[in-house]
Amino acid sequence: MPRFFFHIRSNGKGRSCDYLALCFPNVETAASEALRQAQSLKRVFQSRGEDPRDHANEIENEEGRGVLLLRFADVFDDTSRVIVPHPQERHH
């Protein structure tokens, strides 16, 4: 089963890297998990005094290629679009 890495990107604070990964049958299932994670992290960011909308879940496949970008602003603005990252948006 394919492995996906869920990195948290924060505006102005870099990126928190996931080194463990999660296994899902496809990108769509990984996208559902990204949405669930974003919703559960909202309280964590708020407790730190941070705006949750300043963060994103960047998902990479096993080859290290960005396959999905879920901006928390989209989740918390009552939309759930999953955005494919452009090469200039990727940070390593």
PDB file of N, CA and C in Angstrom:
ATOM      1  N   MET A   1       0.846  -1.169   0.000  1.00  0.00           N
ATOM      2  CA  MET A   1       0.000   0.000   0.000  1.00  0.00           C
ATOM      3  C   MET A   1       0.900   1.243   0.000  1.00  0.00           C
ATOM      4  N   PRO A   2       0.575   2.257  -0.798  1.00  0.00           N
ATOM      5  CA  PRO A   2       1.409   3.465  -0.879  1.00  0.00           C
ATOM      6  C   PRO A   2       1.478   4.221   0.448  1.00  0.00           C
ATOM      7  N   ARG A   3       2.643   4.787   0.703  1.00  0.00           N
ATOM      8  CA  ARG A   3       2.859   5.593   1.910  1.00  0.00           C
ATOM      9  C   ARG A   3       2.798   7.074   1.539  1.00  0.00           C
ATOM     10  N   PHE A   4       2.223   7.874   2.435  1.00  0.00           N
ATOM     11  CA  PHE A   4       2.108   9.314   2.236  1.00  0.00           C
ATOM     12  C   PHE A   4       2.635  10.023   3.480  1.00  0.00           C
ATOM     13  N   PHE A   5       3.404  11.071   3.251  1.00  0.00           N
ATOM     14  CA  PHE A   5       3.980  11.873   4.323  1.00  0.00           C
ATOM     15  C   PHE A   5       3.168  13.158   4.453  1.00  0.00           C
ATOM     16  N   PHE A   6       2.765  13.490   5.679  1.00  0.00           N
ATOM     17  CA  PHE A   6       1.914  14.641   5.948  1.00  0.00           C
ATOM     18  C   PHE A   6       2.746  15.710   6.659  1.00  0.00           C
ATOM     19  N   HIS A   7       3.247  16.656   5.896  1.00  0.00           N
ATOM     20  CA  HIS A   7       4.045  17.746   6.452  1.00  0.00           C
ATOM     21  C   HIS A   7       3.120  18.935   6.751  1.00  0.00           C
ATOM     22  N   ILE A   8       3.402  19.645   7.824  1.00  0.00           N
ATOM     23  CA  ILE A   8       2.634  20.846   8.149  1.00  0.00           C
ATOM     24  C   ILE A   8       3.486  22.047   7.769  1.00  0.00           C
ATOM     25  N   ARG A   9       2.964  22.854   6.867  1.00  0.00           N
ATOM     26  CA  ARG A   9       3.647  24.077   6.443  1.00  0.00           C
ATOM     27  C   ARG A   9       2.989  25.250   7.163  1.00  0.00           C
ATOM     28  N   SER A  10       3.818  26.101   7.746  1.00  0.00           N
ATOM     29  CA  SER A  10       3.321  27.265   8.468  1.00  0.00           C
ATOM     30  C   SER A  10       3.877  28.529   7.835  1.00  0.00           C
ATOM     31  N   ASN A  11       3.008  29.485   7.566  1.00  0.00           N
ATOM     32  CA  ASN A  11       3.451  30.752   6.980  1.00  0.00           C
ATOM     33  C   ASN A  11       4.486  31.410   7.878  1.00  0.00           C
ATOM     34  N   GLY A  12       5.642  31.677   7.313  1.00  0.00           N
ATOM     35  CA  GLY A  12       6.686  32.365   8.047  1.00  0.00           C
ATOM     36  C   GLY A  12       7.438  31.517   9.053  1.00  0.00           C
ATOM     37  N   LYS A  13       7.083  30.247   9.215  1.00  0.00           N
ATOM     38  CA  LYS A  13       7.738  29.404  10.218  1.00  0.00           C
ATOM     39  C   LYS A  13       8.276  28.112   9.634  1.00  0.00           C
ATOM     40  N   GLY A  14       8.299  27.989   8.336  1.00  0.00           N
ATOM     41  CA  GLY A  14       8.849  26.793   7.716  1.00  0.00           C
ATOM     42  C   GLY A  14       7.887  25.629   7.662  1.00  0.00           C
ATOM     43  N   ARG A  15       8.470  24.437   7.751  1.00  0.00           N
ATOM     44  CA  ARG A  15       7.684  23.223   7.572  1.00  0.00           C
ATOM     45  C   ARG A  15       8.100  22.181   8.601  1.00  0.00           C
ATOM     46  N   SER A  16       7.112  21.528   9.188  1.00  0.00           N
ATOM     47  CA  SER A  16       7.324  20.422  10.102  1.00  0.00           C
ATOM     48  C   SER A  16       7.239  19.146   9.274  1.00  0.00           C
ATOM     49  N   CYS A  17       8.286  18.351   9.298  1.00  0.00           N
ATOM     50  CA  CYS A  17       8.345  17.169   8.433  1.00  0.00           C
ATOM     51  C   CYS A  17       7.859  15.905   9.133  1.00  0.00           C
ATOM     52  N   ASP A  18       7.096  15.138   8.406  1.00  0.00           N
ATOM     53  CA  ASP A  18       6.617  13.827   8.834  1.00  0.00           C
ATOM     54  C   ASP A  18       7.613  12.799   8.306  1.00  0.00           C
ATOM     55  N   TYR A  19       8.246  12.055   9.203  1.00  0.00           N
ATOM     56  CA  TYR A  19       9.212  11.034   8.788  1.00  0.00           C
ATOM     57  C   TYR A  19       8.641   9.625   8.886  1.00  0.00           C
ATOM     58  N   LEU A  20       7.433   9.489   9.432  1.00  0.00           N
ATOM     59  CA  LEU A  20       6.849   8.164   9.640  1.00  0.00           C
ATOM     60  C   LEU A  20       5.938   7.726   8.502  1.00  0.00           C
ATOM     61  N   ALA A  21       5.136   8.622   7.994  1.00  0.00           N
ATOM     62  CA  ALA A  21       4.196   8.359   6.895  1.00  0.00           C
ATOM     63  C   ALA A  21       3.012   7.505   7.348  1.00  0.00           C
ATOM     64  N   LEU A  22       1.973   7.571   6.561  1.00  0.00           N
ATOM     65  CA  LEU A  22       0.784   6.744   6.748  1.00  0.00           C
ATOM     66  C   LEU A  22       0.500   6.030   5.435  1.00  0.00           C
ATOM     67  N   CYS A  23      -0.059   4.846   5.508  1.00  0.00           N
ATOM     68  CA  CYS A  23      -0.374   4.072   4.313  1.00  0.00           C
ATOM     69  C   CYS A  23      -1.852   4.212   3.965  1.00  0.00           C
ATOM     70  N   PHE A  24      -2.105   4.490   2.697  1.00  0.00           N
ATOM     71  CA  PHE A  24      -3.468   4.600   2.185  1.00  0.00           C
ATOM     72  C   PHE A  24      -3.507   3.980   0.801  1.00  0.00           C
ATOM     73  N   PRO A  25      -4.662   3.489   0.381  1.00  0.00           N
ATOM     74  CA  PRO A  25      -4.757   2.837  -0.924  1.00  0.00           C
ATOM     75  C   PRO A  25      -4.593   3.798  -2.104  1.00  0.00           C
ATOM     76  N   ASN A  26      -4.886   5.108  -1.875  1.00  0.00           N
ATOM     77  CA  ASN A  26      -4.809   6.058  -2.988  1.00  0.00           C
ATOM     78  C   ASN A  26      -4.729   7.491  -2.462  1.00  0.00           C
ATOM     79  N   VAL A  27      -4.517   8.418  -3.371  1.00  0.00           N
ATOM     80  CA  VAL A  27      -4.381   9.834  -3.025  1.00  0.00           C
ATOM     81  C   VAL A  27      -5.683  10.384  -2.449  1.00  0.00           C
ATOM     82  N   GLU A  28      -6.807   9.930  -2.954  1.00  0.00           N
ATOM     83  CA  GLU A  28      -8.093  10.424  -2.457  1.00  0.00           C
ATOM     84  C   GLU A  28      -8.290  10.108  -0.980  1.00  0.00           C
ATOM     85  N   THR A  29      -7.897   8.914  -0.574  1.00  0.00           N
ATOM     86  CA  THR A  29      -8.014   8.534   0.834  1.00  0.00           C
ATOM     87  C   THR A  29      -7.036   9.350   1.676  1.00  0.00           C
ATOM     88  N   ALA A  30      -5.849   9.601   1.153  1.00  0.00           N
ATOM     89  CA  ALA A  30      -4.880  10.458   1.855  1.00  0.00           C
ATOM     90  C   ALA A  30      -5.431  11.880   1.991  1.00  0.00           C
ATOM     91  N   ALA A  31      -6.139  12.364   0.980  1.00  0.00           N
ATOM     92  CA  ALA A  31      -6.736  13.699   1.034  1.00  0.00           C
ATOM     93  C   ALA A  31      -7.799  13.768   2.134  1.00  0.00           C
ATOM     94  N   SER A  32      -8.571  12.722   2.289  1.00  0.00           N
ATOM     95  CA  SER A  32      -9.572  12.682   3.360  1.00  0.00           C
ATOM     96  C   SER A  32      -8.900  12.747   4.725  1.00  0.00           C
ATOM     97  N   GLU A  33      -7.786  12.057   4.866  1.00  0.00           N
ATOM     98  CA  GLU A  33      -7.029  12.095   6.121  1.00  0.00           C
ATOM     99  C   GLU A  33      -6.461  13.497   6.357  1.00  0.00           C
ATOM    100  N   ALA A  34      -5.988  14.151   5.314  1.00  0.00           N
ATOM    101  CA  ALA A  34      -5.460  15.519   5.447  1.00  0.00           C
ATOM    102  C   ALA A  34      -6.546  16.463   5.954  1.00  0.00           C
ATOM    103  N   LEU A  35      -7.743  16.310   5.455  1.00  0.00           N
ATOM    104  CA  LEU A  35      -8.863  17.137   5.901  1.00  0.00           C
ATOM    105  C   LEU A  35      -9.172  16.862   7.373  1.00  0.00           C
ATOM    106  N   ARG A  36      -9.184  15.605   7.753  1.00  0.00           N
ATOM    107  CA  ARG A  36      -9.442  15.243   9.148  1.00  0.00           C
ATOM    108  C   ARG A  36      -8.365  15.824  10.061  1.00  0.00           C
ATOM    109  N   GLN A  37      -7.098  15.719   9.642  1.00  0.00           N
ATOM    110  CA  GLN A  37      -5.991  16.261  10.433  1.00  0.00           C
ATOM    111  C   GLN A  37      -6.121  17.768  10.599  1.00  0.00           C
ATOM    112  N   ALA A  38      -6.449  18.465   9.532  1.00  0.00           N
ATOM    113  CA  ALA A  38      -6.582  19.920   9.596  1.00  0.00           C
ATOM    114  C   ALA A  38      -7.650  20.309  10.604  1.00  0.00           C
ATOM    115  N   GLN A  39      -8.775  19.620  10.562  1.00  0.00           N
ATOM    116  CA  GLN A  39      -9.854  19.935  11.483  1.00  0.00           C
ATOM    117  C   GLN A  39      -9.457  19.659  12.928  1.00  0.00           C
ATOM    118  N   SER A  40      -8.706  18.598  13.165  1.00  0.00           N
ATOM    119  CA  SER A  40      -8.305  18.278  14.536  1.00  0.00           C
ATOM    120  C   SER A  40      -7.182  19.190  15.036  1.00  0.00           C
ATOM    121  N   LEU A  41      -6.360  19.726  14.135  1.00  0.00           N
ATOM    122  CA  LEU A  41      -5.268  20.617  14.534  1.00  0.00           C
ATOM    123  C   LEU A  41      -5.721  22.047  14.811  1.00  0.00           C
ATOM    124  N   LYS A  42      -6.920  22.367  14.429  1.00  0.00           N
ATOM    125  CA  LYS A  42      -7.415  23.741  14.612  1.00  0.00           C
ATOM    126  C   LYS A  42      -7.272  24.190  16.064  1.00  0.00           C
ATOM    127  N   ARG A  43      -7.710  23.373  17.005  1.00  0.00           N
ATOM    128  CA  ARG A  43      -7.630  23.733  18.431  1.00  0.00           C
ATOM    129  C   ARG A  43      -6.184  23.856  18.902  1.00  0.00           C
ATOM    130  N   VAL A  44      -5.300  23.028  18.375  1.00  0.00           N
ATOM    131  CA  VAL A  44      -3.887  23.090  18.768  1.00  0.00           C
ATOM    132  C   VAL A  44      -3.300  24.448  18.400  1.00  0.00           C
ATOM    133  N   PHE A  45      -3.535  24.876  17.172  1.00  0.00           N
ATOM    134  CA  PHE A  45      -3.004  26.168  16.749  1.00  0.00           C
ATOM    135  C   PHE A  45      -3.637  27.309  17.538  1.00  0.00           C
ATOM    136  N   GLN A  46      -4.932  27.235  17.764  1.00  0.00           N
ATOM    137  CA  GLN A  46      -5.612  28.281  18.523  1.00  0.00           C
ATOM    138  C   GLN A  46      -5.077  28.360  19.949  1.00  0.00           C
ATOM    139  N   SER A  47      -4.777  27.220  20.562  1.00  0.00           N
ATOM    140  CA  SER A  47      -4.260  27.223  21.935  1.00  0.00           C
ATOM    141  C   SER A  47      -2.881  27.872  22.018  1.00  0.00           C
ATOM    142  N   ARG A  48      -2.159  27.888  20.912  1.00  0.00           N
ATOM    143  CA  ARG A  48      -0.848  28.547  20.852  1.00  0.00           C
ATOM    144  C   ARG A  48      -0.964  30.028  20.482  1.00  0.00           C
ATOM    145  N   GLY A  49      -2.193  30.477  20.268  1.00  0.00           N
ATOM    146  CA  GLY A  49      -2.400  31.861  19.851  1.00  0.00           C
ATOM    147  C   GLY A  49      -2.130  32.082  18.375  1.00  0.00           C
ATOM    148  N   GLU A  50      -2.121  31.011  17.600  1.00  0.00           N
ATOM    149  CA  GLU A  50      -1.862  31.092  16.160  1.00  0.00           C
ATOM    150  C   GLU A  50      -3.170  30.988  15.391  1.00  0.00           C
ATOM    151  N   ASP A  51      -3.206  31.619  14.242  1.00  0.00           N
ATOM    152  CA  ASP A  51      -4.362  31.513  13.363  1.00  0.00           C
ATOM    153  C   ASP A  51      -4.223  30.214  12.567  1.00  0.00           C
ATOM    154  N   PRO A  52      -5.145  29.276  12.738  1.00  0.00           N
ATOM    155  CA  PRO A  52      -5.044  28.006  12.019  1.00  0.00           C
ATOM    156  C   PRO A  52      -4.970  28.185  10.505  1.00  0.00           C
ATOM    157  N   ARG A  53      -5.555  29.267  10.002  1.00  0.00           N
ATOM    158  CA  ARG A  53      -5.568  29.491   8.549  1.00  0.00           C
ATOM    159  C   ARG A  53      -4.187  29.826   7.997  1.00  0.00           C
ATOM    160  N   ASP A  54      -3.199  30.009   8.876  1.00  0.00           N
ATOM    161  CA  ASP A  54      -1.822  30.286   8.434  1.00  0.00           C
ATOM    162  C   ASP A  54      -1.032  29.005   8.174  1.00  0.00           C
ATOM    163  N   HIS A  55      -1.697  27.871   8.171  1.00  0.00           N
ATOM    164  CA  HIS A  55      -1.020  26.582   8.028  1.00  0.00           C
ATOM    165  C   HIS A  55      -1.612  25.789   6.867  1.00  0.00           C
ATOM    166  N   ALA A  56      -0.873  24.777   6.439  1.00  0.00           N
ATOM    167  CA  ALA A  56      -1.333  23.895   5.364  1.00  0.00           C
ATOM    168  C   ALA A  56      -0.773  22.499   5.607  1.00  0.00           C
ATOM    169  N   ASN A  57      -1.449  21.511   5.076  1.00  0.00           N
ATOM    170  CA  ASN A  57      -0.982  20.133   5.121  1.00  0.00           C
ATOM    171  C   ASN A  57      -0.462  19.805   3.730  1.00  0.00           C
ATOM    172  N   GLU A  58       0.827  19.589   3.643  1.00  0.00           N
ATOM    173  CA  GLU A  58       1.479  19.276   2.371  1.00  0.00           C
ATOM    174  C   GLU A  58       1.769  17.784   2.350  1.00  0.00           C
ATOM    175  N   ILE A  59       1.234  17.089   1.366  1.00  0.00           N
ATOM    176  CA  ILE A  59       1.352  15.638   1.319  1.00  0.00           C
ATOM    177  C   ILE A  59       2.305  15.228   0.204  1.00  0.00           C
ATOM    178  N   GLU A  60       3.256  14.381   0.565  1.00  0.00           N
ATOM    179  CA  GLU A  60       4.212  13.854  -0.411  1.00  0.00           C
ATOM    180  C   GLU A  60       4.060  12.347  -0.498  1.00  0.00           C
ATOM    181  N   ASN A  61       4.354  11.813  -1.675  1.00  0.00           N
ATOM    182  CA  ASN A  61       4.336  10.363  -1.836  1.00  0.00           C
ATOM    183  C   ASN A  61       5.692   9.784  -1.437  1.00  0.00           C
ATOM    184  N   GLU A  62       5.858   8.499  -1.607  1.00  0.00           N
ATOM    185  CA  GLU A  62       7.102   7.819  -1.206  1.00  0.00           C
ATOM    186  C   GLU A  62       8.326   8.318  -1.964  1.00  0.00           C
ATOM    187  N   GLU A  63       8.118   8.835  -3.157  1.00  0.00           N
ATOM    188  CA  GLU A  63       9.226   9.352  -3.965  1.00  0.00           C
ATOM    189  C   GLU A  63       9.603  10.780  -3.585  1.00  0.00           C
ATOM    190  N   GLY A  64       8.880  11.374  -2.622  1.00  0.00           N
ATOM    191  CA  GLY A  64       9.164  12.730  -2.199  1.00  0.00           C
ATOM    192  C   GLY A  64       8.517  13.795  -3.073  1.00  0.00           C
ATOM    193  N   ARG A  65       7.586  13.394  -3.918  1.00  0.00           N
ATOM    194  CA  ARG A  65       6.872  14.340  -4.785  1.00  0.00           C
ATOM    195  C   ARG A  65       5.623  14.841  -4.085  1.00  0.00           C
ATOM    196  N   GLY A  66       5.420  16.164  -4.123  1.00  0.00           N
ATOM    197  CA  GLY A  66       4.210  16.741  -3.568  1.00  0.00           C
ATOM    198  C   GLY A  66       3.011  16.313  -4.399  1.00  0.00           C
ATOM    199  N   VAL A  67       2.029  15.691  -3.756  1.00  0.00           N
ATOM    200  CA  VAL A  67       0.850  15.230  -4.491  1.00  0.00           C
ATOM    201  C   VAL A  67      -0.394  16.027  -4.135  1.00  0.00           C
ATOM    202  N   LEU A  68      -0.429  16.617  -2.929  1.00  0.00           N
ATOM    203  CA  LEU A  68      -1.584  17.400  -2.505  1.00  0.00           C
ATOM    204  C   LEU A  68      -1.154  18.518  -1.571  1.00  0.00           C
ATOM    205  N   LEU A  69      -1.903  19.603  -1.627  1.00  0.00           N
ATOM    206  CA  LEU A  69      -1.712  20.697  -0.686  1.00  0.00           C
ATOM    207  C   LEU A  69      -3.095  21.111  -0.200  1.00  0.00           C
ATOM    208  N   LEU A  70      -3.325  20.974   1.096  1.00  0.00           N
ATOM    209  CA  LEU A  70      -4.601  21.373   1.674  1.00  0.00           C
ATOM    210  C   LEU A  70      -4.334  22.584   2.557  1.00  0.00           C
ATOM    211  N   ARG A  71      -4.745  23.734   2.105  1.00  0.00           N
ATOM    212  CA  ARG A  71      -4.580  24.962   2.883  1.00  0.00           C
ATOM    213  C   ARG A  71      -5.657  24.985   3.961  1.00  0.00           C
ATOM    214  N   PHE A  72      -5.226  25.143   5.209  1.00  0.00           N
ATOM    215  CA  PHE A  72      -6.184  25.147   6.303  1.00  0.00           C
ATOM    216  C   PHE A  72      -7.163  26.306   6.161  1.00  0.00           C
ATOM    217  N   ALA A  73      -6.762  27.382   5.530  1.00  0.00           N
ATOM    218  CA  ALA A  73      -7.677  28.499   5.301  1.00  0.00           C
ATOM    219  C   ALA A  73      -8.889  28.037   4.496  1.00  0.00           C
ATOM    220  N   ASP A  74      -8.678  27.127   3.572  1.00  0.00           N
ATOM    221  CA  ASP A  74      -9.798  26.597   2.788  1.00  0.00           C
ATOM    222  C   ASP A  74     -10.736  25.766   3.660  1.00  0.00           C
ATOM    223  N   VAL A  75     -10.172  25.009   4.584  1.00  0.00           N
ATOM    224  CA  VAL A  75     -10.972  24.170   5.471  1.00  0.00           C
ATOM    225  C   VAL A  75     -11.768  25.048   6.433  1.00  0.00           C
ATOM    226  N   PHE A  76     -11.111  26.021   7.016  1.00  0.00           N
ATOM    227  CA  PHE A  76     -11.743  26.829   8.046  1.00  0.00           C
ATOM    228  C   PHE A  76     -12.594  27.950   7.472  1.00  0.00           C
ATOM    229  N   ASP A  77     -12.564  28.124   6.153  1.00  0.00           N
ATOM    230  CA  ASP A  77     -13.451  29.069   5.491  1.00  0.00           C
ATOM    231  C   ASP A  77     -14.627  28.328   4.874  1.00  0.00           C
ATOM    232  N   ASP A  78     -14.909  27.127   5.402  1.00  0.00           N
ATOM    233  CA  ASP A  78     -16.041  26.299   4.992  1.00  0.00           C
ATOM    234  C   ASP A  78     -15.952  25.764   3.570  1.00  0.00           C
ATOM    235  N   THR A  79     -14.753  25.590   3.063  1.00  0.00           N
ATOM    236  CA  THR A  79     -14.580  24.885   1.803  1.00  0.00           C
ATOM    237  C   THR A  79     -13.604  23.753   2.070  1.00  0.00           C
ATOM    238  N   SER A  80     -13.581  22.780   1.228  1.00  0.00           N
ATOM    239  CA  SER A  80     -12.671  21.655   1.453  1.00  0.00           C
ATOM    240  C   SER A  80     -11.932  21.298   0.172  1.00  0.00           C
ATOM    241  N   ARG A  81     -11.509  22.320  -0.545  1.00  0.00           N
ATOM    242  CA  ARG A  81     -10.766  22.065  -1.778  1.00  0.00           C
ATOM    243  C   ARG A  81      -9.404  21.473  -1.451  1.00  0.00           C
ATOM    244  N   VAL A  82      -8.982  20.547  -2.255  1.00  0.00           N
ATOM    245  CA  VAL A  82      -7.627  20.020  -2.178  1.00  0.00           C
ATOM    246  C   VAL A  82      -6.904  20.545  -3.396  1.00  0.00           C
ATOM    247  N   ILE A  83      -5.776  21.186  -3.171  1.00  0.00           N
ATOM    248  CA  ILE A  83      -5.083  21.896  -4.233  1.00  0.00           C
ATOM    249  C   ILE A  83      -3.787  21.171  -4.573  1.00  0.00           C
ATOM    250  N   VAL A  84      -3.567  20.905  -5.835  1.00  0.00           N
ATOM    251  CA  VAL A  84      -2.315  20.298  -6.268  1.00  0.00           C
ATOM    252  C   VAL A  84      -1.256  21.387  -6.261  1.00  0.00           C
ATOM    253  N   PRO A  85      -0.129  21.168  -5.563  1.00  0.00           N
ATOM    254  CA  PRO A  85       0.867  22.219  -5.468  1.00  0.00           C
ATOM    255  C   PRO A  85       1.580  22.474  -6.779  1.00  0.00           C
ATOM    256  N   HIS A  86       1.901  23.716  -7.022  1.00  0.00           N
ATOM    257  CA  HIS A  86       2.722  24.092  -8.169  1.00  0.00           C
ATOM    258  C   HIS A  86       4.182  23.908  -7.754  1.00  0.00           C
ATOM    259  N   PRO A  87       5.090  23.645  -8.685  1.00  0.00           N
ATOM    260  CA  PRO A  87       6.487  23.424  -8.312  1.00  0.00           C
ATOM    261  C   PRO A  87       7.074  24.548  -7.466  1.00  0.00           C
ATOM    262  N   GLN A  88       6.718  25.801  -7.719  1.00  0.00           N
ATOM    263  CA  GLN A  88       7.281  26.904  -6.955  1.00  0.00           C
ATOM    264  C   GLN A  88       6.748  26.937  -5.521  1.00  0.00           C
ATOM    265  N   GLU A  89       5.680  26.205  -5.220  1.00  0.00           N
ATOM    266  CA  GLU A  89       5.127  26.181  -3.878  1.00  0.00           C
ATOM    267  C   GLU A  89       5.796  25.122  -3.015  1.00  0.00           C
ATOM    268  N   ARG A  90       6.510  24.205  -3.608  1.00  0.00           N
ATOM    269  CA  ARG A  90       7.117  23.114  -2.859  1.00  0.00           C
ATOM    270  C   ARG A  90       8.362  23.601  -2.153  1.00  0.00           C
ATOM    271  N   HIS A  91       8.525  23.192  -0.897  1.00  0.00           N
ATOM    272  CA  HIS A  91       9.689  23.553  -0.091  1.00  0.00           C
ATOM    273  C   HIS A  91      10.313  22.269   0.432  1.00  0.00           C
ATOM    274  N   HIS A  92      11.619  22.150   0.278  1.00  0.00           N
ATOM    275  CA  HIS A  92      12.310  20.958   0.821  1.00  0.00           C
ATOM    276  C   HIS A  92      13.327  21.378   1.829  1.00  0.00           C
TER     277      HIS A  92
END
